[in-house]
């Protein structure tokens, strides 16, 4: 017994919506990472370097080849200290 093609239309719509959602999320992740592929298995060193790159360039995935740090970077300390007790 054959299945009428009208019964397959909802499945085609669902498949198209899943495809559009996956493509949109992939494009958004690519845009969020500055056009680079997503990083995998990030360890503490990678997180530290990503934080340094963010403080240097303003982007999490940005890198700079300038030999000198920009103005203001010498006081841009990543260490978080707790407030003193008074």
C-alpha atoms as a PDB file:
ATOM      1  CA  UNK A   1       0.000   0.000   0.000  1.00  0.00           C
ATOM      2  CA  UNK A   2       1.497   3.306  -1.060  1.00  0.00           C
ATOM      3  CA  UNK A   3       1.764   6.353   1.206  1.00  0.00           C
ATOM      4  CA  UNK A   4       0.204   9.478  -0.263  1.00  0.00           C
ATOM      5  CA  UNK A   5       2.690  12.310  -0.724  1.00  0.00           C
ATOM      6  CA  UNK A   6       0.511  14.626   1.404  1.00  0.00           C
ATOM      7  CA  UNK A   7       1.548  12.602   4.456  1.00  0.00           C
ATOM      8  CA  UNK A   8       5.248  13.263   3.761  1.00  0.00           C
ATOM      9  CA  UNK A   9       4.963  17.077   3.613  1.00  0.00           C
ATOM     10  CA  UNK A  10       5.077  17.567   7.436  1.00  0.00           C
ATOM     11  CA  UNK A  11       8.188  15.387   7.623  1.00  0.00           C
ATOM     12  CA  UNK A  12       9.832  17.511   4.952  1.00  0.00           C
ATOM     13  CA  UNK A  13       8.959  20.676   6.879  1.00  0.00           C
ATOM     14  CA  UNK A  14      10.351  19.239  10.120  1.00  0.00           C
ATOM     15  CA  UNK A  15      13.545  18.139   8.370  1.00  0.00           C
ATOM     16  CA  UNK A  16      13.948  21.586   6.793  1.00  0.00           C
ATOM     17  CA  UNK A  17      13.459  23.318  10.168  1.00  0.00           C
ATOM     18  CA  UNK A  18      16.072  21.084  11.841  1.00  0.00           C
ATOM     19  CA  UNK A  19      18.467  21.819   8.982  1.00  0.00           C
ATOM     20  CA  UNK A  20      17.849  25.577   9.171  1.00  0.00           C
ATOM     21  CA  UNK A  21      18.306  25.569  12.954  1.00  0.00           C
ATOM     22  CA  UNK A  22      21.564  23.602  12.729  1.00  0.00           C
ATOM     23  CA  UNK A  23      22.922  25.850   9.994  1.00  0.00           C
ATOM     24  CA  UNK A  24      21.941  28.959  11.954  1.00  0.00           C
ATOM     25  CA  UNK A  25      23.598  27.735  15.138  1.00  0.00           C
ATOM     26  CA  UNK A  26      26.724  26.768  13.219  1.00  0.00           C
ATOM     27  CA  UNK A  27      26.896  30.192  11.572  1.00  0.00           C
ATOM     28  CA  UNK A  28      26.316  31.954  14.910  1.00  0.00           C
ATOM     29  CA  UNK A  29      29.086  29.937  16.607  1.00  0.00           C
ATOM     30  CA  UNK A  30      31.410  30.704  13.701  1.00  0.00           C
ATOM     31  CA  UNK A  31      30.581  34.422  13.964  1.00  0.00           C
ATOM     32  CA  UNK A  32      30.970  34.339  17.762  1.00  0.00           C
ATOM     33  CA  UNK A  33      34.485  32.844  17.439  1.00  0.00           C
ATOM     34  CA  UNK A  34      35.638  35.508  14.998  1.00  0.00           C
ATOM     35  CA  UNK A  35      35.325  33.296  11.909  1.00  0.00           C
ATOM     36  CA  UNK A  36      37.440  30.531  13.447  1.00  0.00           C
ATOM     37  CA  UNK A  37      36.505  26.973  14.292  1.00  0.00           C
ATOM     38  CA  UNK A  38      35.321  26.169  17.808  1.00  0.00           C
ATOM     39  CA  UNK A  39      37.995  25.149  20.297  1.00  0.00           C
ATOM     40  CA  UNK A  40      37.924  21.679  21.841  1.00  0.00           C
ATOM     41  CA  UNK A  41      39.372  20.336  25.113  1.00  0.00           C
ATOM     42  CA  UNK A  42      40.424  23.704  26.522  1.00  0.00           C
ATOM     43  CA  UNK A  43      42.699  23.387  29.548  1.00  0.00           C
ATOM     44  CA  UNK A  44      43.766  26.005  32.099  1.00  0.00           C
ATOM     45  CA  UNK A  45      46.640  27.261  29.932  1.00  0.00           C
ATOM     46  CA  UNK A  46      44.329  27.827  26.984  1.00  0.00           C
ATOM     47  CA  UNK A  47      41.848  29.694  29.193  1.00  0.00           C
ATOM     48  CA  UNK A  48      44.649  31.888  30.524  1.00  0.00           C
ATOM     49  CA  UNK A  49      45.881  32.687  27.015  1.00  0.00           C
ATOM     50  CA  UNK A  50      42.323  33.377  25.813  1.00  0.00           C
ATOM     51  CA  UNK A  51      41.844  35.804  28.713  1.00  0.00           C
ATOM     52  CA  UNK A  52      45.143  37.502  27.861  1.00  0.00           C
ATOM     53  CA  UNK A  53      44.135  37.767  24.197  1.00  0.00           C
ATOM     54  CA  UNK A  54      40.781  39.230  25.222  1.00  0.00           C
ATOM     55  CA  UNK A  55      42.502  41.837  27.369  1.00  0.00           C
ATOM     56  CA  UNK A  56      44.984  42.656  24.589  1.00  0.00           C
ATOM     57  CA  UNK A  57      42.643  42.829  21.609  1.00  0.00           C
ATOM     58  CA  UNK A  58      39.133  43.039  23.060  1.00  0.00           C
ATOM     59  CA  UNK A  59      38.111  39.728  21.435  1.00  0.00           C
ATOM     60  CA  UNK A  60      38.232  36.294  23.008  1.00  0.00           C
ATOM     61  CA  UNK A  61      39.764  34.734  19.901  1.00  0.00           C
ATOM     62  CA  UNK A  62      41.734  37.768  18.763  1.00  0.00           C
ATOM     63  CA  UNK A  63      45.509  37.642  18.604  1.00  0.00           C
ATOM     64  CA  UNK A  64      48.029  40.400  18.138  1.00  0.00           C
ATOM     65  CA  UNK A  65      51.519  40.227  16.658  1.00  0.00           C
ATOM     66  CA  UNK A  66      52.514  43.680  17.901  1.00  0.00           C
ATOM     67  CA  UNK A  67      55.764  43.529  19.912  1.00  0.00           C
ATOM     68  CA  UNK A  68      54.494  46.166  22.354  1.00  0.00           C
ATOM     69  CA  UNK A  69      51.322  45.993  24.413  1.00  0.00           C
ATOM     70  CA  UNK A  70      48.728  48.715  23.853  1.00  0.00           C
ATOM     71  CA  UNK A  71      48.508  51.668  26.215  1.00  0.00           C
ATOM     72  CA  UNK A  72      46.779  50.781  29.454  1.00  0.00           C
ATOM     73  CA  UNK A  73      47.683  47.093  29.356  1.00  0.00           C
ATOM     74  CA  UNK A  74      50.323  47.503  32.058  1.00  0.00           C
ATOM     75  CA  UNK A  75      47.593  48.203  34.624  1.00  0.00           C
ATOM     76  CA  UNK A  76      45.190  45.641  33.154  1.00  0.00           C
ATOM     77  CA  UNK A  77      45.762  42.920  35.728  1.00  0.00           C
ATOM     78  CA  UNK A  78      43.762  39.698  35.425  1.00  0.00           C
ATOM     79  CA  UNK A  79      44.234  38.790  39.088  1.00  0.00           C
ATOM     80  CA  UNK A  80      41.133  39.149  41.171  1.00  0.00           C
ATOM     81  CA  UNK A  81      41.761  40.129  44.774  1.00  0.00           C
ATOM     82  CA  UNK A  82      39.285  40.136  47.557  1.00  0.00           C
ATOM     83  CA  UNK A  83      38.281  43.293  49.338  1.00  0.00           C
ATOM     84  CA  UNK A  84      40.065  44.092  52.545  1.00  0.00           C
ATOM     85  CA  UNK A  85      38.285  43.635  55.826  1.00  0.00           C
ATOM     86  CA  UNK A  86      37.628  46.904  57.621  1.00  0.00           C
END
